[in-house]
């Protein structure tokens, strides 16, 4: 008979322990989101887009040096052109990338 009460006490402890664990996880996630949103409130949201535009503009300036003509070269001239396909997506405007117009 004692084993039944021992098992019941184990079940109650486990139940409340799982609930406490879930609540602790939720509180930690809430704190993480609060801290992250506070730190990122002053961040520039278009940093990656500006970096792509800067690389593309730099590639346009140095295009004369690729053909063997005059001009100046930069260290990223030896890298493959990753921004060559961005013009197609920019021309779509507000359409999503997957749409074919």
PDB file of N, CA and C in Angstrom:
ATOM      1  N   UNK A   1       0.822  -1.191   0.000  1.00  0.00           N
ATOM      2  CA  UNK A   1       0.000   0.000   0.000  1.00  0.00           C
ATOM      3  C   UNK A   1       0.873   1.265   0.000  1.00  0.00           C
ATOM      4  N   UNK A   2       1.996   1.180   0.648  1.00  0.00           N
ATOM      5  CA  UNK A   2       2.898   2.331   0.709  1.00  0.00           C
ATOM      6  C   UNK A   2       3.431   2.699  -0.665  1.00  0.00           C
ATOM      7  N   UNK A   3       3.590   1.710  -1.554  1.00  0.00           N
ATOM      8  CA  UNK A   3       4.113   1.971  -2.900  1.00  0.00           C
ATOM      9  C   UNK A   3       3.176   2.844  -3.715  1.00  0.00           C
ATOM     10  N   UNK A   4       1.873   2.726  -3.483  1.00  0.00           N
ATOM     11  CA  UNK A   4       0.898   3.542  -4.222  1.00  0.00           C
ATOM     12  C   UNK A   4       1.079   5.008  -3.866  1.00  0.00           C
ATOM     13  N   UNK A   5       1.236   5.302  -2.580  1.00  0.00           N
ATOM     14  CA  UNK A   5       1.417   6.694  -2.171  1.00  0.00           C
ATOM     15  C   UNK A   5       2.773   7.230  -2.632  1.00  0.00           C
ATOM     16  N   UNK A   6       3.768   6.361  -2.609  1.00  0.00           N
ATOM     17  CA  UNK A   6       5.087   6.762  -3.084  1.00  0.00           C
ATOM     18  C   UNK A   6       5.040   7.100  -4.576  1.00  0.00           C
ATOM     19  N   UNK A   7       4.338   6.287  -5.361  1.00  0.00           N
ATOM     20  CA  UNK A   7       4.195   6.565  -6.795  1.00  0.00           C
ATOM     21  C   UNK A   7       3.373   7.834  -7.043  1.00  0.00           C
ATOM     22  N   UNK A   8       2.315   8.030  -6.260  1.00  0.00           N
ATOM     23  CA  UNK A   8       1.488   9.234  -6.409  1.00  0.00           C
ATOM     24  C   UNK A   8       2.312  10.490  -6.113  1.00  0.00           C
ATOM     25  N   UNK A   9       3.127  10.426  -5.040  1.00  0.00           N
ATOM     26  CA  UNK A   9       3.978  11.575  -4.711  1.00  0.00           C
ATOM     27  C   UNK A   9       4.996  11.830  -5.819  1.00  0.00           C
ATOM     28  N   UNK A  10       5.564  10.768  -6.409  1.00  0.00           N
ATOM     29  CA  UNK A  10       6.482  10.907  -7.545  1.00  0.00           C
ATOM     30  C   UNK A  10       5.777  11.543  -8.736  1.00  0.00           C
ATOM     31  N   UNK A  11       4.542  11.133  -9.027  1.00  0.00           N
ATOM     32  CA  UNK A  11       3.795  11.688 -10.162  1.00  0.00           C
ATOM     33  C   UNK A  11       3.487  13.168  -9.952  1.00  0.00           C
ATOM     34  N   UNK A  12       3.096  13.534  -8.754  1.00  0.00           N
ATOM     35  CA  UNK A  12       2.792  14.943  -8.464  1.00  0.00           C
ATOM     36  C   UNK A  12       4.052  15.786  -8.566  1.00  0.00           C
ATOM     37  N   UNK A  13       5.159  15.295  -7.987  1.00  0.00           N
ATOM     38  CA  UNK A  13       6.418  16.033  -8.084  1.00  0.00           C
ATOM     39  C   UNK A  13       6.864  16.199  -9.526  1.00  0.00           C
ATOM     40  N   UNK A  14       6.745  15.150 -10.324  1.00  0.00           N
ATOM     41  CA  UNK A  14       7.150  15.205 -11.723  1.00  0.00           C
ATOM     42  C   UNK A  14       6.278  16.189 -12.495  1.00  0.00           C
ATOM     43  N   UNK A  15       4.978  16.145 -12.256  1.00  0.00           N
ATOM     44  CA  UNK A  15       4.053  17.047 -12.950  1.00  0.00           C
ATOM     45  C   UNK A  15       4.400  18.504 -12.668  1.00  0.00           C
ATOM     46  N   UNK A  16       4.547  18.851 -11.394  1.00  0.00           N
ATOM     47  CA  UNK A  16       4.866  20.235 -11.061  1.00  0.00           C
ATOM     48  C   UNK A  16       6.288  20.610 -11.477  1.00  0.00           C
ATOM     49  N   UNK A  17       7.176  19.651 -11.497  1.00  0.00           N
ATOM     50  CA  UNK A  17       8.532  19.924 -11.966  1.00  0.00           C
ATOM     51  C   UNK A  17       8.563  20.257 -13.444  1.00  0.00           C
ATOM     52  N   UNK A  18       7.787  19.524 -14.235  1.00  0.00           N
ATOM     53  CA  UNK A  18       7.721  19.816 -15.674  1.00  0.00           C
ATOM     54  C   UNK A  18       7.095  21.178 -15.905  1.00  0.00           C
ATOM     55  N   UNK A  19       6.047  21.503 -15.174  1.00  0.00           N
ATOM     56  CA  UNK A  19       5.420  22.829 -15.313  1.00  0.00           C
ATOM     57  C   UNK A  19       6.414  23.930 -14.926  1.00  0.00           C
ATOM     58  N   UNK A  20       7.158  23.729 -13.834  1.00  0.00           N
ATOM     59  CA  UNK A  20       8.155  24.736 -13.424  1.00  0.00           C
ATOM     60  C   UNK A  20       9.254  24.878 -14.475  1.00  0.00           C
ATOM     61  N   UNK A  21       9.662  23.769 -15.076  1.00  0.00           N
ATOM     62  CA  UNK A  21      10.684  23.822 -16.119  1.00  0.00           C
ATOM     63  C   UNK A  21      10.201  24.601 -17.339  1.00  0.00           C
ATOM     64  N   UNK A  22       8.970  24.350 -17.758  1.00  0.00           N
ATOM     65  CA  UNK A  22       8.407  25.069 -18.914  1.00  0.00           C
ATOM     66  C   UNK A  22       8.286  26.556 -18.611  1.00  0.00           C
ATOM     67  N   UNK A  23       7.843  26.901 -17.419  1.00  0.00           N
ATOM     68  CA  UNK A  23       7.739  28.320 -17.044  1.00  0.00           C
ATOM     69  C   UNK A  23       9.109  28.987 -16.978  1.00  0.00           C
ATOM     70  N   UNK A  24      10.113  28.280 -16.495  1.00  0.00           N
ATOM     71  CA  UNK A  24      11.468  28.837 -16.449  1.00  0.00           C
ATOM     72  C   UNK A  24      12.004  29.052 -17.856  1.00  0.00           C
ATOM     73  N   UNK A  25      11.749  28.104 -18.751  1.00  0.00           N
ATOM     74  CA  UNK A  25      12.179  28.264 -20.136  1.00  0.00           C
ATOM     75  C   UNK A  25      11.484  29.458 -20.784  1.00  0.00           C
ATOM     76  N   UNK A  26      10.193  29.601 -20.533  1.00  0.00           N
ATOM     77  CA  UNK A  26       9.463  30.733 -21.098  1.00  0.00           C
ATOM     78  C   UNK A  26       9.982  32.062 -20.564  1.00  0.00           C
ATOM     79  N   UNK A  27      10.293  32.121 -19.280  1.00  0.00           N
ATOM     80  CA  UNK A  27      10.844  33.348 -18.697  1.00  0.00           C
ATOM     81  C   UNK A  27      12.212  33.671 -19.273  1.00  0.00           C
ATOM     82  N   UNK A  28      13.037  32.638 -19.481  1.00  0.00           N
ATOM     83  CA  UNK A  28      14.360  32.871 -20.054  1.00  0.00           C
ATOM     84  C   UNK A  28      14.244  33.360 -21.493  1.00  0.00           C
ATOM     85  N   UNK A  29      13.336  32.774 -22.256  1.00  0.00           N
ATOM     86  CA  UNK A  29      13.136  33.220 -23.632  1.00  0.00           C
ATOM     87  C   UNK A  29      12.608  34.647 -23.672  1.00  0.00           C
ATOM     88  N   UNK A  30      11.681  34.984 -22.773  1.00  0.00           N
ATOM     89  CA  UNK A  30      11.150  36.347 -22.715  1.00  0.00           C
ATOM     90  C   UNK A  30      12.274  37.337 -22.401  1.00  0.00           C
ATOM     91  N   UNK A  31      13.140  36.983 -21.449  1.00  0.00           N
ATOM     92  CA  UNK A  31      14.252  37.870 -21.094  1.00  0.00           C
ATOM     93  C   UNK A  31      15.219  38.013 -22.263  1.00  0.00           C
ATOM     94  N   UNK A  32      15.492  36.914 -22.962  1.00  0.00           N
ATOM     95  CA  UNK A  32      16.381  36.987 -24.118  1.00  0.00           C
ATOM     96  C   UNK A  32      15.810  37.898 -25.192  1.00  0.00           C
ATOM     97  N   UNK A  33      14.523  37.773 -25.484  1.00  0.00           N
ATOM     98  CA  UNK A  33      13.896  38.614 -26.504  1.00  0.00           C
ATOM     99  C   UNK A  33      13.914  40.077 -26.069  1.00  0.00           C
ATOM    100  N   UNK A  34      13.634  40.351 -24.808  1.00  0.00           N
ATOM    101  CA  UNK A  34      13.670  41.732 -24.309  1.00  0.00           C
ATOM    102  C   UNK A  34      15.064  42.334 -24.445  1.00  0.00           C
ATOM    103  N   UNK A  35      16.075  41.588 -24.031  1.00  0.00           N
ATOM    104  CA  UNK A  35      17.450  42.097 -24.108  1.00  0.00           C
ATOM    105  C   UNK A  35      17.856  42.291 -25.563  1.00  0.00           C
ATOM    106  N   UNK A  36      17.529  41.332 -26.408  1.00  0.00           N
ATOM    107  CA  UNK A  36      17.901  41.425 -27.822  1.00  0.00           C
ATOM    108  C   UNK A  36      17.201  42.597 -28.498  1.00  0.00           C
ATOM    109  N   UNK A  37      15.924  42.788 -28.238  1.00  0.00           N
ATOM    110  CA  UNK A  37      15.209  43.897 -28.882  1.00  0.00           C
ATOM    111  C   UNK A  37      15.706  45.244 -28.368  1.00  0.00           C
ATOM    112  N   UNK A  38      16.121  45.300 -27.113  1.00  0.00           N
ATOM    113  CA  UNK A  38      16.684  46.546 -26.583  1.00  0.00           C
ATOM    114  C   UNK A  38      18.020  46.856 -27.241  1.00  0.00           C
ATOM    115  N   UNK A  39      18.860  45.836 -27.401  1.00  0.00           N
ATOM    116  CA  UNK A  39      20.164  46.063 -28.012  1.00  0.00           C
ATOM    117  C   UNK A  39      20.053  46.378 -29.498  1.00  0.00           C
ATOM    118  N   UNK A  40      19.093  45.793 -30.179  1.00  0.00           N
ATOM    119  CA  UNK A  40      18.965  45.967 -31.621  1.00  0.00           C
ATOM    120  C   UNK A  40      18.073  47.140 -32.011  1.00  0.00           C
ATOM    121  N   UNK A  41      17.568  47.892 -31.053  1.00  0.00           N
ATOM    122  CA  UNK A  41      16.666  48.997 -31.389  1.00  0.00           C
ATOM    123  C   UNK A  41      17.385  50.101 -32.158  1.00  0.00           C
ATOM    124  N   UNK A  42      18.676  50.270 -31.932  1.00  0.00           N
ATOM    125  CA  UNK A  42      19.436  51.305 -32.632  1.00  0.00           C
ATOM    126  C   UNK A  42      20.201  50.755 -33.826  1.00  0.00           C
ATOM    127  N   UNK A  43      20.034  49.487 -34.122  1.00  0.00           N
ATOM    128  CA  UNK A  43      20.791  48.871 -35.215  1.00  0.00           C
ATOM    129  C   UNK A  43      20.217  49.292 -36.560  1.00  0.00           C
ATOM    130  N   UNK A  44      21.082  49.352 -37.552  1.00  0.00           N
ATOM    131  CA  UNK A  44      20.668  49.665 -38.908  1.00  0.00           C
ATOM    132  C   UNK A  44      20.142  48.393 -39.554  1.00  0.00           C
ATOM    133  N   UNK A  45      18.880  48.404 -39.972  1.00  0.00           N
ATOM    134  CA  UNK A  45      18.260  47.187 -40.496  1.00  0.00           C
ATOM    135  C   UNK A  45      18.671  46.902 -41.932  1.00  0.00           C
ATOM    136  N   UNK A  46      19.226  47.865 -42.642  1.00  0.00           N
ATOM    137  CA  UNK A  46      19.584  47.672 -44.048  1.00  0.00           C
ATOM    138  C   UNK A  46      21.081  47.478 -44.245  1.00  0.00           C
ATOM    139  N   UNK A  47      21.784  47.011 -43.242  1.00  0.00           N
ATOM    140  CA  UNK A  47      23.236  46.891 -43.331  1.00  0.00           C
ATOM    141  C   UNK A  47      23.653  45.937 -44.438  1.00  0.00           C
ATOM    142  N   UNK A  48      23.015  44.772 -44.521  1.00  0.00           N
ATOM    143  CA  UNK A  48      23.400  43.792 -45.542  1.00  0.00           C
ATOM    144  C   UNK A  48      23.106  44.323 -46.940  1.00  0.00           C
ATOM    145  N   UNK A  49      21.975  44.990 -47.110  1.00  0.00           N
ATOM    146  CA  UNK A  49      21.631  45.542 -48.417  1.00  0.00           C
ATOM    147  C   UNK A  49      22.611  46.640 -48.824  1.00  0.00           C
ATOM    148  N   UNK A  50      22.982  47.496 -47.881  1.00  0.00           N
ATOM    149  CA  UNK A  50      23.958  48.543 -48.186  1.00  0.00           C
ATOM    150  C   UNK A  50      25.311  47.945 -48.557  1.00  0.00           C
ATOM    151  N   UNK A  51      25.695  46.866 -47.876  1.00  0.00           N
ATOM    152  CA  UNK A  51      26.958  46.219 -48.186  1.00  0.00           C
ATOM    153  C   UNK A  51      26.932  45.639 -49.602  1.00  0.00           C
ATOM    154  N   UNK A  52      25.807  45.052 -50.001  1.00  0.00           N
ATOM    155  CA  UNK A  52      25.688  44.531 -51.374  1.00  0.00           C
ATOM    156  C   UNK A  52      25.805  45.658 -52.387  1.00  0.00           C
ATOM    157  N   UNK A  53      25.144  46.775 -52.106  1.00  0.00           N
ATOM    158  CA  UNK A  53      25.219  47.902 -53.030  1.00  0.00           C
ATOM    159  C   UNK A  53      26.638  48.465 -53.108  1.00  0.00           C
ATOM    160  N   UNK A  54      27.331  48.520 -51.973  1.00  0.00           N
ATOM    161  CA  UNK A  54      28.708  49.011 -51.979  1.00  0.00           C
ATOM    162  C   UNK A  54      29.610  48.105 -52.802  1.00  0.00           C
ATOM    163  N   UNK A  55      29.457  46.798 -52.639  1.00  0.00           N
ATOM    164  CA  UNK A  55      30.276  45.866 -53.418  1.00  0.00           C
ATOM    165  C   UNK A  55      29.951  45.978 -54.896  1.00  0.00           C
ATOM    166  N   UNK A  56      28.666  46.143 -55.207  1.00  0.00           N
ATOM    167  CA  UNK A  56      28.279  46.253 -56.616  1.00  0.00           C
ATOM    168  C   UNK A  56      28.835  47.553 -57.221  1.00  0.00           C
ATOM    169  N   UNK A  57      28.751  48.644 -56.459  1.00  0.00           N
ATOM    170  CA  UNK A  57      29.308  49.907 -56.961  1.00  0.00           C
ATOM    171  C   UNK A  57      30.818  49.808 -57.143  1.00  0.00           C
ATOM    172  N   UNK A  58      31.485  49.159 -56.215  1.00  0.00           N
ATOM    173  CA  UNK A  58      32.933  48.990 -56.326  1.00  0.00           C
ATOM    174  C   UNK A  58      33.264  48.126 -57.537  1.00  0.00           C
ATOM    175  N   UNK A  59      32.453  47.124 -57.801  1.00  0.00           N
ATOM    176  CA  UNK A  59      32.668  46.293 -58.981  1.00  0.00           C
ATOM    177  C   UNK A  59      32.482  47.077 -60.260  1.00  0.00           C
ATOM    178  N   UNK A  60      31.551  48.007 -60.278  1.00  0.00           N
ATOM    179  CA  UNK A  60      31.346  48.835 -61.460  1.00  0.00           C
ATOM    180  C   UNK A  60      32.507  49.800 -61.675  1.00  0.00           C
ATOM    181  N   UNK A  61      33.096  50.296 -60.594  1.00  0.00           N
ATOM    182  CA  UNK A  61      34.225  51.228 -60.720  1.00  0.00           C
ATOM    183  C   UNK A  61      35.467  50.536 -61.246  1.00  0.00           C
ATOM    184  N   UNK A  62      35.626  49.279 -60.847  1.00  0.00           N
ATOM    185  CA  UNK A  62      36.861  48.597 -61.201  1.00  0.00           C
ATOM    186  C   UNK A  62      36.704  47.724 -62.441  1.00  0.00           C
ATOM    187  N   UNK A  63      35.596  47.862 -63.147  1.00  0.00           N
ATOM    188  CA  UNK A  63      35.386  46.993 -64.301  1.00  0.00           C
ATOM    189  C   UNK A  63      36.395  47.265 -65.411  1.00  0.00           C
ATOM    190  N   UNK A  64      36.955  48.486 -65.458  1.00  0.00           N
ATOM    191  CA  UNK A  64      37.960  48.780 -66.462  1.00  0.00           C
ATOM    192  C   UNK A  64      39.250  48.015 -66.217  1.00  0.00           C
ATOM    193  N   UNK A  65      39.535  47.730 -64.957  1.00  0.00           N
ATOM    194  CA  UNK A  65      40.779  47.015 -64.651  1.00  0.00           C
ATOM    195  C   UNK A  65      40.656  45.531 -64.963  1.00  0.00           C
ATOM    196  N   UNK A  66      39.458  45.018 -65.087  1.00  0.00           N
ATOM    197  CA  UNK A  66      39.286  43.605 -65.402  1.00  0.00           C
ATOM    198  C   UNK A  66      39.642  43.325 -66.858  1.00  0.00           C
ATOM    199  N   UNK A  67      39.413  44.280 -67.711  1.00  0.00           N
ATOM    200  CA  UNK A  67      39.694  44.073 -69.118  1.00  0.00           C
ATOM    201  C   UNK A  67      41.140  44.338 -69.475  1.00  0.00           C
ATOM    202  N   UNK A  68      41.954  44.623 -68.529  1.00  0.00           N
ATOM    203  CA  UNK A  68      43.358  44.869 -68.800  1.00  0.00           C
ATOM    204  C   UNK A  68      43.668  46.340 -69.008  1.00  0.00           C
ATOM    205  N   UNK A  69      42.641  47.198 -68.980  1.00  0.00           N
ATOM    206  CA  UNK A  69      42.864  48.627 -69.174  1.00  0.00           C
ATOM    207  C   UNK A  69      43.347  49.282 -67.903  1.00  0.00           C
ATOM    208  N   UNK A  70      43.337  50.607 -67.904  1.00  0.00           N
ATOM    209  CA  UNK A  70      43.775  51.350 -66.731  1.00  0.00           C
ATOM    210  C   UNK A  70      42.758  51.244 -65.622  1.00  0.00           C
ATOM    211  N   UNK A  71      43.048  51.815 -64.504  1.00  0.00           N
ATOM    212  CA  UNK A  71      42.144  51.773 -63.361  1.00  0.00           C
ATOM    213  C   UNK A  71      42.873  51.246 -62.144  1.00  0.00           C
ATOM    214  N   UNK A  72      42.127  51.102 -61.108  1.00  0.00           N
ATOM    215  CA  UNK A  72      42.726  50.607 -59.880  1.00  0.00           C
ATOM    216  C   UNK A  72      42.053  49.291 -59.514  1.00  0.00           C
ATOM    217  N   UNK A  73      42.759  48.474 -58.800  1.00  0.00           N
ATOM    218  CA  UNK A  73      42.206  47.175 -58.404  1.00  0.00           C
ATOM    219  C   UNK A  73      42.087  47.121 -56.892  1.00  0.00           C
ATOM    220  N   UNK A  74      41.179  46.326 -56.463  1.00  0.00           N
ATOM    221  CA  UNK A  74      40.986  46.116 -55.026  1.00  0.00           C
ATOM    222  C   UNK A  74      41.130  44.636 -54.731  1.00  0.00           C
ATOM    223  N   UNK A  75      41.195  44.301 -53.470  1.00  0.00           N
ATOM    224  CA  UNK A  75      41.426  42.907 -53.104  1.00  0.00           C
ATOM    225  C   UNK A  75      40.241  42.030 -53.483  1.00  0.00           C
ATOM    226  N   UNK A  76      39.018  42.590 -53.517  1.00  0.00           N
ATOM    227  CA  UNK A  76      37.867  41.749 -53.847  1.00  0.00           C
ATOM    228  C   UNK A  76      37.678  41.590 -55.353  1.00  0.00           C
ATOM    229  N   UNK A  77      38.557  42.194 -56.169  1.00  0.00           N
ATOM    230  CA  UNK A  77      38.476  41.982 -57.609  1.00  0.00           C
ATOM    231  C   UNK A  77      38.812  40.541 -57.973  1.00  0.00           C
ATOM    232  N   UNK A  78      39.574  39.876 -57.124  1.00  0.00           N
ATOM    233  CA  UNK A  78      39.924  38.492 -57.413  1.00  0.00           C
ATOM    234  C   UNK A  78      38.814  37.531 -57.012  1.00  0.00           C
ATOM    235  N   UNK A  79      37.805  38.013 -56.280  1.00  0.00           N
ATOM    236  CA  UNK A  79      36.699  37.168 -55.852  1.00  0.00           C
ATOM    237  C   UNK A  79      35.658  37.071 -56.963  1.00  0.00           C
ATOM    238  N   UNK A  80      34.881  36.000 -57.000  1.00  0.00           N
ATOM    239  CA  UNK A  80      33.828  35.901 -58.013  1.00  0.00           C
ATOM    240  C   UNK A  80      32.739  36.933 -57.761  1.00  0.00           C
ATOM    241  N   UNK A  81      32.066  37.339 -58.786  1.00  0.00           N
ATOM    242  CA  UNK A  81      31.014  38.344 -58.665  1.00  0.00           C
ATOM    243  C   UNK A  81      29.767  37.700 -58.080  1.00  0.00           C
ATOM    244  N   UNK A  82      29.487  38.002 -56.845  1.00  0.00           N
ATOM    245  CA  UNK A  82      28.308  37.431 -56.203  1.00  0.00           C
ATOM    246  C   UNK A  82      27.093  38.318 -56.375  1.00  0.00           C
ATOM    247  N   UNK A  83      27.291  39.580 -56.689  1.00  0.00           N
ATOM    248  CA  UNK A  83      26.165  40.504 -56.784  1.00  0.00           C
ATOM    249  C   UNK A  83      25.669  40.653 -58.212  1.00  0.00           C
ATOM    250  N   UNK A  84      26.115  39.810 -59.124  1.00  0.00           N
ATOM    251  CA  UNK A  84      25.722  39.988 -60.512  1.00  0.00           C
ATOM    252  C   UNK A  84      24.245  39.702 -60.734  1.00  0.00           C
ATOM    253  N   UNK A  85      23.629  38.875 -59.912  1.00  0.00           N
ATOM    254  CA  UNK A  85      22.223  38.540 -60.098  1.00  0.00           C
ATOM    255  C   UNK A  85      21.272  39.428 -59.320  1.00  0.00           C
ATOM    256  N   UNK A  86      21.782  40.408 -58.584  1.00  0.00           N
ATOM    257  CA  UNK A  86      20.915  41.233 -57.765  1.00  0.00           C
ATOM    258  C   UNK A  86      20.047  42.174 -58.583  1.00  0.00           C
ATOM    259  N   UNK A  87      20.500  42.564 -59.760  1.00  0.00           N
ATOM    260  CA  UNK A  87      19.711  43.484 -60.572  1.00  0.00           C
ATOM    261  C   UNK A  87      18.379  42.900 -60.971  1.00  0.00           C
ATOM    262  N   UNK A  88      18.321  41.612 -61.196  1.00  0.00           N
ATOM    263  CA  UNK A  88      17.075  40.975 -61.589  1.00  0.00           C
ATOM    264  C   UNK A  88      16.077  41.033 -60.445  1.00  0.00           C
ATOM    265  N   UNK A  89      16.535  40.799 -59.213  1.00  0.00           N
ATOM    266  CA  UNK A  89      15.625  40.815 -58.080  1.00  0.00           C
ATOM    267  C   UNK A  89      15.228  42.236 -57.708  1.00  0.00           C
ATOM    268  N   UNK A  90      16.108  43.191 -57.922  1.00  0.00           N
ATOM    269  CA  UNK A  90      15.775  44.580 -57.629  1.00  0.00           C
ATOM    270  C   UNK A  90      14.730  45.083 -58.614  1.00  0.00           C
ATOM    271  N   UNK A  91      14.746  44.582 -59.842  1.00  0.00           N
ATOM    272  CA  UNK A  91      13.796  45.030 -60.841  1.00  0.00           C
ATOM    273  C   UNK A  91      12.389  44.539 -60.537  1.00  0.00           C
ATOM    274  N   UNK A  92      12.253  43.521 -59.696  1.00  0.00           N
ATOM    275  CA  UNK A  92      10.934  43.001 -59.378  1.00  0.00           C
ATOM    276  C   UNK A  92      10.158  43.929 -58.455  1.00  0.00           C
ATOM    277  N   UNK A  93      10.828  44.798 -57.773  1.00  0.00           N
ATOM    278  CA  UNK A  93      10.158  45.728 -56.890  1.00  0.00           C
ATOM    279  C   UNK A  93       9.667  45.032 -55.640  1.00  0.00           C
ATOM    280  N   UNK A  94       8.369  45.126 -55.382  1.00  0.00           N
ATOM    281  CA  UNK A  94       7.819  44.543 -54.167  1.00  0.00           C
ATOM    282  C   UNK A  94       7.463  43.082 -54.332  1.00  0.00           C
ATOM    283  N   UNK A  95       7.650  42.523 -55.508  1.00  0.00           N
ATOM    284  CA  UNK A  95       7.332  41.110 -55.710  1.00  0.00           C
ATOM    285  C   UNK A  95       8.330  40.238 -54.961  1.00  0.00           C
ATOM    286  N   UNK A  96       7.907  39.060 -54.617  1.00  0.00           N
ATOM    287  CA  UNK A  96       8.813  38.168 -53.912  1.00  0.00           C
ATOM    288  C   UNK A  96       9.793  37.554 -54.913  1.00  0.00           C
ATOM    289  N   UNK A  97      10.844  36.979 -54.378  1.00  0.00           N
ATOM    290  CA  UNK A  97      11.906  36.455 -55.232  1.00  0.00           C
ATOM    291  C   UNK A  97      11.414  35.286 -56.070  1.00  0.00           C
ATOM    292  N   UNK A  98      10.515  34.491 -55.534  1.00  0.00           N
ATOM    293  CA  UNK A  98      10.066  33.295 -56.241  1.00  0.00           C
ATOM    294  C   UNK A  98       9.141  33.562 -57.414  1.00  0.00           C
ATOM    295  N   UNK A  99       8.533  34.728 -57.482  1.00  0.00           N
ATOM    296  CA  UNK A  99       7.582  35.013 -58.561  1.00  0.00           C
ATOM    297  C   UNK A  99       8.310  35.243 -59.881  1.00  0.00           C
ATOM    298  N   UNK A 100       7.746  34.767 -60.944  1.00  0.00           N
ATOM    299  CA  UNK A 100       8.317  34.991 -62.265  1.00  0.00           C
ATOM    300  C   UNK A 100       7.378  35.951 -63.011  1.00  0.00           C
ATOM    301  N   UNK A 101       7.838  37.144 -63.283  1.00  0.00           N
ATOM    302  CA  UNK A 101       7.019  38.131 -63.987  1.00  0.00           C
ATOM    303  C   UNK A 101       7.407  38.194 -65.438  1.00  0.00           C
TER     304      UNK A 101
END
